[in-house]
Amino acid sequence: IDEIASLTAHTDERINLAKERLAY
């Protein structure tokens, strides 16, 4: 959960890194 919170802490284009991690 803490890693997910870190991945989704940003609402700008950095959220795409979280999407990429989800997909991967």
mmCIF file of all heavy atoms, coordinates in Angstrom:
data_MODEL
# 
_entry.id   MODEL 
# 
loop_
_atom_site.group_PDB 
_atom_site.id 
_atom_site.type_symbol 
_atom_site.label_atom_id 
_atom_site.label_alt_id 
_atom_site.label_comp_id 
_atom_site.label_asym_id 
_atom_site.label_entity_id 
_atom_site.label_seq_id 
_atom_site.pdbx_PDB_ins_code 
_atom_site.Cartn_x 
_atom_site.Cartn_y 
_atom_site.Cartn_z 
_atom_site.occupancy 
_atom_site.B_iso_or_equiv 
_atom_site.pdbx_formal_charge 
_atom_site.auth_seq_id 
_atom_site.auth_comp_id 
_atom_site.auth_asym_id 
_atom_site.auth_atom_id 
_atom_site.pdbx_PDB_model_num 
ATOM 1   N N   . ILE A 1 1  ? 0.818  -1.210 0.000   1.00 0.00 ? 1  ILE A N   1 
ATOM 2   C CA  . ILE A 1 1  ? 0.000  0.000  0.000   1.00 0.00 ? 1  ILE A CA  1 
ATOM 3   C C   . ILE A 1 1  ? 0.854  1.263  0.000   1.00 0.00 ? 1  ILE A C   1 
ATOM 4   O O   . ILE A 1 1  ? 0.545  2.241  -0.695  1.00 0.00 ? 1  ILE A O   1 
ATOM 5   C CB  . ILE A 1 1  ? -0.957 0.009  1.214   1.00 0.00 ? 1  ILE A CB  1 
ATOM 6   C CG1 . ILE A 1 1  ? -2.005 -1.111 1.068   1.00 0.00 ? 1  ILE A CG1 1 
ATOM 7   C CG2 . ILE A 1 1  ? -1.650 1.355  1.352   1.00 0.00 ? 1  ILE A CG2 1 
ATOM 8   C CD1 . ILE A 1 1  ? -2.954 -0.930 -0.094  1.00 0.00 ? 1  ILE A CD1 1 
ATOM 9   N N   . ASP A 1 2  ? 1.961  1.264  0.776   1.00 0.00 ? 2  ASP A N   1 
ATOM 10  C CA  . ASP A 1 2  ? 2.782  2.468  0.825   1.00 0.00 ? 2  ASP A CA  1 
ATOM 11  C C   . ASP A 1 2  ? 3.459  2.741  -0.514  1.00 0.00 ? 2  ASP A C   1 
ATOM 12  O O   . ASP A 1 2  ? 3.649  3.897  -0.916  1.00 0.00 ? 2  ASP A O   1 
ATOM 13  C CB  . ASP A 1 2  ? 3.821  2.385  1.947   1.00 0.00 ? 2  ASP A CB  1 
ATOM 14  C CG  . ASP A 1 2  ? 4.720  1.164  1.851   1.00 0.00 ? 2  ASP A CG  1 
ATOM 15  O OD1 . ASP A 1 2  ? 4.461  0.295  0.997   1.00 0.00 ? 2  ASP A OD1 1 
ATOM 16  O OD2 . ASP A 1 2  ? 5.677  1.070  2.643   1.00 0.00 ? 2  ASP A OD2 1 
ATOM 17  N N   . GLU A 1 3  ? 3.814  1.688  -1.255  1.00 0.00 ? 3  GLU A N   1 
ATOM 18  C CA  . GLU A 1 3  ? 4.404  1.875  -2.578  1.00 0.00 ? 3  GLU A CA  1 
ATOM 19  C C   . GLU A 1 3  ? 3.365  2.417  -3.560  1.00 0.00 ? 3  GLU A C   1 
ATOM 20  O O   . GLU A 1 3  ? 3.670  3.276  -4.396  1.00 0.00 ? 3  GLU A O   1 
ATOM 21  C CB  . GLU A 1 3  ? 4.991  0.566  -3.103  1.00 0.00 ? 3  GLU A CB  1 
ATOM 22  C CG  . GLU A 1 3  ? 5.734  0.716  -4.420  1.00 0.00 ? 3  GLU A CG  1 
ATOM 23  C CD  . GLU A 1 3  ? 6.421  -0.559 -4.880  1.00 0.00 ? 3  GLU A CD  1 
ATOM 24  O OE1 . GLU A 1 3  ? 6.459  -1.542 -4.111  1.00 0.00 ? 3  GLU A OE1 1 
ATOM 25  O OE2 . GLU A 1 3  ? 6.919  -0.571 -6.023  1.00 0.00 ? 3  GLU A OE2 1 
ATOM 26  N N   . ILE A 1 4  ? 2.139  1.936  -3.434  1.00 0.00 ? 4  ILE A N   1 
ATOM 27  C CA  . ILE A 1 4  ? 1.052  2.443  -4.283  1.00 0.00 ? 4  ILE A CA  1 
ATOM 28  C C   . ILE A 1 4  ? 0.810  3.919  -3.997  1.00 0.00 ? 4  ILE A C   1 
ATOM 29  O O   . ILE A 1 4  ? 0.634  4.731  -4.918  1.00 0.00 ? 4  ILE A O   1 
ATOM 30  C CB  . ILE A 1 4  ? -0.233 1.621  -4.057  1.00 0.00 ? 4  ILE A CB  1 
ATOM 31  C CG1 . ILE A 1 4  ? -0.055 0.191  -4.586  1.00 0.00 ? 4  ILE A CG1 1 
ATOM 32  C CG2 . ILE A 1 4  ? -1.431 2.291  -4.732  1.00 0.00 ? 4  ILE A CG2 1 
ATOM 33  C CD1 . ILE A 1 4  ? -1.192 -0.745 -4.242  1.00 0.00 ? 4  ILE A CD1 1 
ATOM 34  N N   . ALA A 1 5  ? 0.833  4.279  -2.722  1.00 0.00 ? 5  ALA A N   1 
ATOM 35  C CA  . ALA A 1 5  ? 0.640  5.692  -2.353  1.00 0.00 ? 5  ALA A CA  1 
ATOM 36  C C   . ALA A 1 5  ? 1.733  6.564  -2.947  1.00 0.00 ? 5  ALA A C   1 
ATOM 37  O O   . ALA A 1 5  ? 1.466  7.670  -3.430  1.00 0.00 ? 5  ALA A O   1 
ATOM 38  C CB  . ALA A 1 5  ? 0.614  5.827  -0.832  1.00 0.00 ? 5  ALA A CB  1 
ATOM 39  N N   . SER A 1 6  ? 2.957  6.066  -2.949  1.00 0.00 ? 6  SER A N   1 
ATOM 40  C CA  . SER A 1 6  ? 4.074  6.815  -3.515  1.00 0.00 ? 6  SER A CA  1 
ATOM 41  C C   . SER A 1 6  ? 3.926  6.960  -5.026  1.00 0.00 ? 6  SER A C   1 
ATOM 42  O O   . SER A 1 6  ? 4.162  8.035  -5.590  1.00 0.00 ? 6  SER A O   1 
ATOM 43  C CB  . SER A 1 6  ? 5.391  6.110  -3.182  1.00 0.00 ? 6  SER A CB  1 
ATOM 44  O OG  . SER A 1 6  ? 6.482  6.775  -3.775  1.00 0.00 ? 6  SER A OG  1 
ATOM 45  N N   . LEU A 1 7  ? 3.517  5.864  -5.694  1.00 0.00 ? 7  LEU A N   1 
ATOM 46  C CA  . LEU A 1 7  ? 3.368  5.888  -7.146  1.00 0.00 ? 7  LEU A CA  1 
ATOM 47  C C   . LEU A 1 7  ? 2.278  6.859  -7.596  1.00 0.00 ? 7  LEU A C   1 
ATOM 48  O O   . LEU A 1 7  ? 2.355  7.446  -8.676  1.00 0.00 ? 7  LEU A O   1 
ATOM 49  C CB  . LEU A 1 7  ? 3.030  4.479  -7.661  1.00 0.00 ? 7  LEU A CB  1 
ATOM 50  C CG  . LEU A 1 7  ? 4.175  3.489  -7.809  1.00 0.00 ? 7  LEU A CG  1 
ATOM 51  C CD1 . LEU A 1 7  ? 3.637  2.082  -8.017  1.00 0.00 ? 7  LEU A CD1 1 
ATOM 52  C CD2 . LEU A 1 7  ? 5.074  3.886  -8.978  1.00 0.00 ? 7  LEU A CD2 1 
ATOM 53  N N   . THR A 1 8  ? 1.251  7.017  -6.784  1.00 0.00 ? 8  THR A N   1 
ATOM 54  C CA  . THR A 1 8  ? 0.080  7.814  -7.188  1.00 0.00 ? 8  THR A CA  1 
ATOM 55  C C   . THR A 1 8  ? 0.012  9.148  -6.455  1.00 0.00 ? 8  THR A C   1 
ATOM 56  O O   . THR A 1 8  ? -1.045 9.765  -6.390  1.00 0.00 ? 8  THR A O   1 
ATOM 57  C CB  . THR A 1 8  ? -1.215 7.015  -6.944  1.00 0.00 ? 8  THR A CB  1 
ATOM 58  O OG1 . THR A 1 8  ? -1.280 6.625  -5.560  1.00 0.00 ? 8  THR A OG1 1 
ATOM 59  C CG2 . THR A 1 8  ? -1.258 5.774  -7.810  1.00 0.00 ? 8  THR A CG2 1 
ATOM 60  N N   . ALA A 1 9  ? 1.131  9.586  -5.924  1.00 0.00 ? 9  ALA A N   1 
ATOM 61  C CA  . ALA A 1 9  ? 1.147  10.832 -5.157  1.00 0.00 ? 9  ALA A CA  1 
ATOM 62  C C   . ALA A 1 9  ? 1.010  12.064 -6.044  1.00 0.00 ? 9  ALA A C   1 
ATOM 63  O O   . ALA A 1 9  ? 0.678  13.143 -5.564  1.00 0.00 ? 9  ALA A O   1 
ATOM 64  C CB  . ALA A 1 9  ? 2.438  10.926 -4.339  1.00 0.00 ? 9  ALA A CB  1 
ATOM 65  N N   . HIS A 1 10 ? 1.267  11.907 -7.340  1.00 0.00 ? 10 HIS A N   1 
ATOM 66  C CA  . HIS A 1 10 ? 1.254  13.057 -8.254  1.00 0.00 ? 10 HIS A CA  1 
ATOM 67  C C   . HIS A 1 10 ? 0.050  12.973 -9.199  1.00 0.00 ? 10 HIS A C   1 
ATOM 68  O O   . HIS A 1 10 ? -0.368 11.887 -9.595  1.00 0.00 ? 10 HIS A O   1 
ATOM 69  C CB  . HIS A 1 10 ? 2.535  13.102 -9.078  1.00 0.00 ? 10 HIS A CB  1 
ATOM 70  C CG  . HIS A 1 10 ? 3.776  13.075 -8.232  1.00 0.00 ? 10 HIS A CG  1 
ATOM 71  N ND1 . HIS A 1 10 ? 4.230  14.171 -7.539  1.00 0.00 ? 10 HIS A ND1 1 
ATOM 72  C CD2 . HIS A 1 10 ? 4.651  12.059 -7.954  1.00 0.00 ? 10 HIS A CD2 1 
ATOM 73  C CE1 . HIS A 1 10 ? 5.321  13.848 -6.887  1.00 0.00 ? 10 HIS A CE1 1 
ATOM 74  N NE2 . HIS A 1 10 ? 5.602  12.585 -7.114  1.00 0.00 ? 10 HIS A NE2 1 
ATOM 75  N N   . THR A 1 11 ? -0.474 14.126 -9.546  1.00 0.00 ? 11 THR A N   1 
ATOM 76  C CA  . THR A 1 11 ? -1.616 14.170 -10.472 1.00 0.00 ? 11 THR A CA  1 
ATOM 77  C C   . THR A 1 11 ? -1.227 14.735 -11.831 1.00 0.00 ? 11 THR A C   1 
ATOM 78  O O   . THR A 1 11 ? -2.077 14.854 -12.714 1.00 0.00 ? 11 THR A O   1 
ATOM 79  C CB  . THR A 1 11 ? -2.753 15.029 -9.880  1.00 0.00 ? 11 THR A CB  1 
ATOM 80  O OG1 . THR A 1 11 ? -2.237 16.340 -9.575  1.00 0.00 ? 11 THR A OG1 1 
ATOM 81  C CG2 . THR A 1 11 ? -3.306 14.404 -8.602  1.00 0.00 ? 11 THR A CG2 1 
ATOM 82  N N   . ASP A 1 12 ? 0.044  15.092 -12.001 1.00 0.00 ? 12 ASP A N   1 
ATOM 83  C CA  . ASP A 1 12 ? 0.494  15.574 -13.296 1.00 0.00 ? 12 ASP A CA  1 
ATOM 84  C C   . ASP A 1 12 ? 0.888  14.392 -14.174 1.00 0.00 ? 12 ASP A C   1 
ATOM 85  O O   . ASP A 1 12 ? 0.464  13.258 -13.933 1.00 0.00 ? 12 ASP A O   1 
ATOM 86  C CB  . ASP A 1 12 ? 1.645  16.573 -13.128 1.00 0.00 ? 12 ASP A CB  1 
ATOM 87  C CG  . ASP A 1 12 ? 2.821  15.990 -12.340 1.00 0.00 ? 12 ASP A CG  1 
ATOM 88  O OD1 . ASP A 1 12 ? 2.919  14.747 -12.258 1.00 0.00 ? 12 ASP A OD1 1 
ATOM 89  O OD2 . ASP A 1 12 ? 3.618  16.761 -11.798 1.00 0.00 ? 12 ASP A OD2 1 
ATOM 90  N N   . GLU A 1 13 ? 1.715  14.612 -15.190 1.00 0.00 ? 13 GLU A N   1 
ATOM 91  C CA  . GLU A 1 13 ? 2.046  13.544 -16.135 1.00 0.00 ? 13 GLU A CA  1 
ATOM 92  C C   . GLU A 1 13 ? 2.785  12.375 -15.481 1.00 0.00 ? 13 GLU A C   1 
ATOM 93  O O   . GLU A 1 13 ? 2.852  11.286 -16.051 1.00 0.00 ? 13 GLU A O   1 
ATOM 94  C CB  . GLU A 1 13 ? 2.885  14.107 -17.282 1.00 0.00 ? 13 GLU A CB  1 
ATOM 95  C CG  . GLU A 1 13 ? 4.232  14.640 -16.864 1.00 0.00 ? 13 GLU A CG  1 
ATOM 96  C CD  . GLU A 1 13 ? 5.034  15.148 -18.052 1.00 0.00 ? 13 GLU A CD  1 
ATOM 97  O OE1 . GLU A 1 13 ? 4.429  15.352 -19.127 1.00 0.00 ? 13 GLU A OE1 1 
ATOM 98  O OE2 . GLU A 1 13 ? 6.249  15.307 -17.900 1.00 0.00 ? 13 GLU A OE2 1 
ATOM 99  N N   . ARG A 1 14 ? 3.295  12.577 -14.264 1.00 0.00 ? 14 ARG A N   1 
ATOM 100 C CA  . ARG A 1 14 ? 3.975  11.488 -13.567 1.00 0.00 ? 14 ARG A CA  1 
ATOM 101 C C   . ARG A 1 14 ? 3.028  10.347 -13.204 1.00 0.00 ? 14 ARG A C   1 
ATOM 102 O O   . ARG A 1 14 ? 3.474  9.247  -12.891 1.00 0.00 ? 14 ARG A O   1 
ATOM 103 C CB  . ARG A 1 14 ? 4.683  12.021 -12.318 1.00 0.00 ? 14 ARG A CB  1 
ATOM 104 C CG  . ARG A 1 14 ? 5.962  12.794 -12.615 1.00 0.00 ? 14 ARG A CG  1 
ATOM 105 C CD  . ARG A 1 14 ? 6.529  13.469 -11.385 1.00 0.00 ? 14 ARG A CD  1 
ATOM 106 N NE  . ARG A 1 14 ? 5.717  14.606 -10.974 1.00 0.00 ? 14 ARG A NE  1 
ATOM 107 C CZ  . ARG A 1 14 ? 6.024  15.415 -9.966  1.00 0.00 ? 14 ARG A CZ  1 
ATOM 108 N NH1 . ARG A 1 14 ? 7.122  15.187 -9.253  1.00 0.00 ? 14 ARG A NH1 1 
ATOM 109 N NH2 . ARG A 1 14 ? 5.246  16.435 -9.653  1.00 0.00 ? 14 ARG A NH2 1 
ATOM 110 N N   . ILE A 1 15 ? 1.714  10.598 -13.252 1.00 0.00 ? 15 ILE A N   1 
ATOM 111 C CA  . ILE A 1 15 ? 0.744  9.529  -12.996 1.00 0.00 ? 15 ILE A CA  1 
ATOM 112 C C   . ILE A 1 15 ? 0.861  8.436  -14.053 1.00 0.00 ? 15 ILE A C   1 
ATOM 113 O O   . ILE A 1 15 ? 0.481  7.286  -13.821 1.00 0.00 ? 15 ILE A O   1 
ATOM 114 C CB  . ILE A 1 15 ? -0.696 10.094 -12.952 1.00 0.00 ? 15 ILE A CB  1 
ATOM 115 C CG1 . ILE A 1 15 ? -1.654 9.090  -12.290 1.00 0.00 ? 15 ILE A CG1 1 
ATOM 116 C CG2 . ILE A 1 15 ? -1.181 10.446 -14.346 1.00 0.00 ? 15 ILE A CG2 1 
ATOM 117 C CD1 . ILE A 1 15 ? -1.410 8.861  -10.840 1.00 0.00 ? 15 ILE A CD1 1 
ATOM 118 N N   . ASN A 1 16 ? 1.424  8.791  -15.223 1.00 0.00 ? 16 ASN A N   1 
ATOM 119 C CA  . ASN A 1 16 ? 1.597  7.792  -16.277 1.00 0.00 ? 16 ASN A CA  1 
ATOM 120 C C   . ASN A 1 16 ? 2.583  6.697  -15.877 1.00 0.00 ? 16 ASN A C   1 
ATOM 121 O O   . ASN A 1 16 ? 2.495  5.563  -16.355 1.00 0.00 ? 16 ASN A O   1 
ATOM 122 C CB  . ASN A 1 16 ? 2.050  8.464  -17.574 1.00 0.00 ? 16 ASN A CB  1 
ATOM 123 C CG  . ASN A 1 16 ? 0.946  9.290  -18.203 1.00 0.00 ? 16 ASN A CG  1 
ATOM 124 O OD1 . ASN A 1 16 ? -0.219 8.934  -18.118 1.00 0.00 ? 16 ASN A OD1 1 
ATOM 125 N ND2 . ASN A 1 16 ? 1.306  10.409 -18.808 1.00 0.00 ? 16 ASN A ND2 1 
ATOM 126 N N   . LEU A 1 17 ? 3.522  7.021  -14.995 1.00 0.00 ? 17 LEU A N   1 
ATOM 127 C CA  . LEU A 1 17 ? 4.442  6.001  -14.495 1.00 0.00 ? 17 LEU A CA  1 
ATOM 128 C C   . LEU A 1 17 ? 3.693  4.975  -13.653 1.00 0.00 ? 17 LEU A C   1 
ATOM 129 O O   . LEU A 1 17 ? 4.006  3.783  -13.683 1.00 0.00 ? 17 LEU A O   1 
ATOM 130 C CB  . LEU A 1 17 ? 5.559  6.651  -13.673 1.00 0.00 ? 17 LEU A CB  1 
ATOM 131 C CG  . LEU A 1 17 ? 6.492  7.596  -14.432 1.00 0.00 ? 17 LEU A CG  1 
ATOM 132 C CD1 . LEU A 1 17 ? 7.478  8.263  -13.474 1.00 0.00 ? 17 LEU A CD1 1 
ATOM 133 C CD2 . LEU A 1 17 ? 7.249  6.829  -15.522 1.00 0.00 ? 17 LEU A CD2 1 
ATOM 134 N N   . ALA A 1 18 ? 2.704  5.456  -12.907 1.00 0.00 ? 18 ALA A N   1 
ATOM 135 C CA  . ALA A 1 18 ? 1.879  4.541  -12.113 1.00 0.00 ? 18 ALA A CA  1 
ATOM 136 C C   . ALA A 1 18 ? 1.034  3.653  -13.028 1.00 0.00 ? 18 ALA A C   1 
ATOM 137 O O   . ALA A 1 18 ? 0.875  2.452  -12.773 1.00 0.00 ? 18 ALA A O   1 
ATOM 138 C CB  . ALA A 1 18 ? 0.992  5.329  -11.158 1.00 0.00 ? 18 ALA A CB  1 
ATOM 139 N N   . LYS A 1 19 ? 0.500  4.241  -14.105 1.00 0.00 ? 19 LYS A N   1 
ATOM 140 C CA  . LYS A 1 19 ? -0.278 3.451  -15.069 1.00 0.00 ? 19 LYS A CA  1 
ATOM 141 C C   . LYS A 1 19 ? 0.599  2.382  -15.717 1.00 0.00 ? 19 LYS A C   1 
ATOM 142 O O   . LYS A 1 19 ? 0.172  1.240  -15.914 1.00 0.00 ? 19 LYS A O   1 
ATOM 143 C CB  . LYS A 1 19 ? -0.868 4.354  -16.151 1.00 0.00 ? 19 LYS A CB  1 
ATOM 144 C CG  . LYS A 1 19 ? -1.903 5.345  -15.672 1.00 0.00 ? 19 LYS A CG  1 
ATOM 145 C CD  . LYS A 1 19 ? -2.446 6.113  -16.878 1.00 0.00 ? 19 LYS A CD  1 
ATOM 146 C CE  . LYS A 1 19 ? -3.417 7.189  -16.471 1.00 0.00 ? 19 LYS A CE  1 
ATOM 147 N NZ  . LYS A 1 19 ? -4.017 7.865  -17.633 1.00 0.00 ? 19 LYS A NZ  1 
ATOM 148 N N   . GLU A 1 20 ? 1.805  2.770  -16.046 1.00 0.00 ? 20 GLU A N   1 
ATOM 149 C CA  . GLU A 1 20 ? 2.740  1.839  -16.667 1.00 0.00 ? 20 GLU A CA  1 
ATOM 150 C C   . GLU A 1 20 ? 3.061  0.676  -15.722 1.00 0.00 ? 20 GLU A C   1 
ATOM 151 O O   . GLU A 1 20 ? 3.134  -0.480 -16.135 1.00 0.00 ? 20 GLU A O   1 
ATOM 152 C CB  . GLU A 1 20 ? 4.019  2.594  -17.037 1.00 0.00 ? 20 GLU A CB  1 
ATOM 153 C CG  . GLU A 1 20 ? 4.888  1.898  -18.055 1.00 0.00 ? 20 GLU A CG  1 
ATOM 154 C CD  . GLU A 1 20 ? 6.040  2.782  -18.505 1.00 0.00 ? 20 GLU A CD  1 
ATOM 155 O OE1 . GLU A 1 20 ? 7.008  2.934  -17.710 1.00 0.00 ? 20 GLU A OE1 1 
ATOM 156 O OE2 . GLU A 1 20 ? 5.977  3.320  -19.619 1.00 0.00 ? 20 GLU A OE2 1 
ATOM 157 N N   . ARG A 1 21 ? 3.207  0.999  -14.447 1.00 0.00 ? 21 ARG A N   1 
ATOM 158 C CA  . ARG A 1 21 ? 3.496  -0.044 -13.454 1.00 0.00 ? 21 ARG A CA  1 
ATOM 159 C C   . ARG A 1 21 ? 2.301  -0.976 -13.297 1.00 0.00 ? 21 ARG A C   1 
ATOM 160 O O   . ARG A 1 21 ? 2.455  -2.198 -13.200 1.00 0.00 ? 21 ARG A O   1 
ATOM 161 C CB  . ARG A 1 21 ? 3.843  0.607  -12.109 1.00 0.00 ? 21 ARG A CB  1 
ATOM 162 C CG  . ARG A 1 21 ? 4.293  -0.383 -11.040 1.00 0.00 ? 21 ARG A CG  1 
ATOM 163 C CD  . ARG A 1 21 ? 5.631  -1.028 -11.389 1.00 0.00 ? 21 ARG A CD  1 
ATOM 164 N NE  . ARG A 1 21 ? 6.047  -1.980 -10.373 1.00 0.00 ? 21 ARG A NE  1 
ATOM 165 C CZ  . ARG A 1 21 ? 6.660  -1.656 -9.237  1.00 0.00 ? 21 ARG A CZ  1 
ATOM 166 N NH1 . ARG A 1 21 ? 6.943  -0.369 -8.982  1.00 0.00 ? 21 ARG A NH1 1 
ATOM 167 N NH2 . ARG A 1 21 ? 6.999  -2.574 -8.374  1.00 0.00 ? 21 ARG A NH2 1 
ATOM 168 N N   . LEU A 1 22 ? 1.115  -0.423 -13.254 1.00 0.00 ? 22 LEU A N   1 
ATOM 169 C CA  . LEU A 1 22 ? -0.104 -1.231 -13.187 1.00 0.00 ? 22 LEU A CA  1 
ATOM 170 C C   . LEU A 1 22 ? -0.167 -2.192 -14.365 1.00 0.00 ? 22 LEU A C   1 
ATOM 171 O O   . LEU A 1 22 ? -0.390 -3.401 -14.194 1.00 0.00 ? 22 LEU A O   1 
ATOM 172 C CB  . LEU A 1 22 ? -1.339 -0.312 -13.194 1.00 0.00 ? 22 LEU A CB  1 
ATOM 173 C CG  . LEU A 1 22 ? -2.697 -0.969 -13.438 1.00 0.00 ? 22 LEU A CG  1 
ATOM 174 C CD1 . LEU A 1 22 ? -3.070 -1.871 -12.268 1.00 0.00 ? 22 LEU A CD1 1 
ATOM 175 C CD2 . LEU A 1 22 ? -3.787 0.092  -13.661 1.00 0.00 ? 22 LEU A CD2 1 
ATOM 176 N N   . ALA A 1 23 ? 0.028  -1.654 -15.565 1.00 0.00 ? 23 ALA A N   1 
ATOM 177 C CA  . ALA A 1 23 ? -0.041 -2.474 -16.774 1.00 0.00 ? 23 ALA A CA  1 
ATOM 178 C C   . ALA A 1 23 ? 1.029  -3.555 -16.769 1.00 0.00 ? 23 ALA A C   1 
ATOM 179 O O   . ALA A 1 23 ? 0.772  -4.709 -17.124 1.00 0.00 ? 23 ALA A O   1 
ATOM 180 C CB  . ALA A 1 23 ? 0.104  -1.585 -18.010 1.00 0.00 ? 23 ALA A CB  1 
ATOM 181 N N   . TYR A 1 24 ? 2.222  -3.194 -16.339 1.00 0.00 ? 24 TYR A N   1 
ATOM 182 C CA  . TYR A 1 24 ? 3.338  -4.154 -16.349 1.00 0.00 ? 24 TYR A CA  1 
ATOM 183 C C   . TYR A 1 24 ? 3.098  -5.279 -15.345 1.00 0.00 ? 24 TYR A C   1 
ATOM 184 O O   . TYR A 1 24 ? 3.254  -6.469 -15.681 1.00 0.00 ? 24 TYR A O   1 
ATOM 185 C CB  . TYR A 1 24 ? 4.656  -3.454 -16.035 1.00 0.00 ? 24 TYR A CB  1 
ATOM 186 C CG  . TYR A 1 24 ? 5.840  -4.396 -16.112 1.00 0.00 ? 24 TYR A CG  1 
ATOM 187 C CD1 . TYR A 1 24 ? 6.455  -4.648 -17.335 1.00 0.00 ? 24 TYR A CD1 1 
ATOM 188 C CD2 . TYR A 1 24 ? 6.296  -5.076 -14.990 1.00 0.00 ? 24 TYR A CD2 1 
ATOM 189 C CE1 . TYR A 1 24 ? 7.512  -5.543 -17.426 1.00 0.00 ? 24 TYR A CE1 1 
ATOM 190 C CE2 . TYR A 1 24 ? 7.349  -5.975 -15.068 1.00 0.00 ? 24 TYR A CE2 1 
ATOM 191 C CZ  . TYR A 1 24 ? 7.963  -6.199 -16.288 1.00 0.00 ? 24 TYR A CZ  1 
ATOM 192 O OH  . TYR A 1 24 ? 8.990  -7.098 -16.375 1.00 0.00 ? 24 TYR A OH  1 
# 
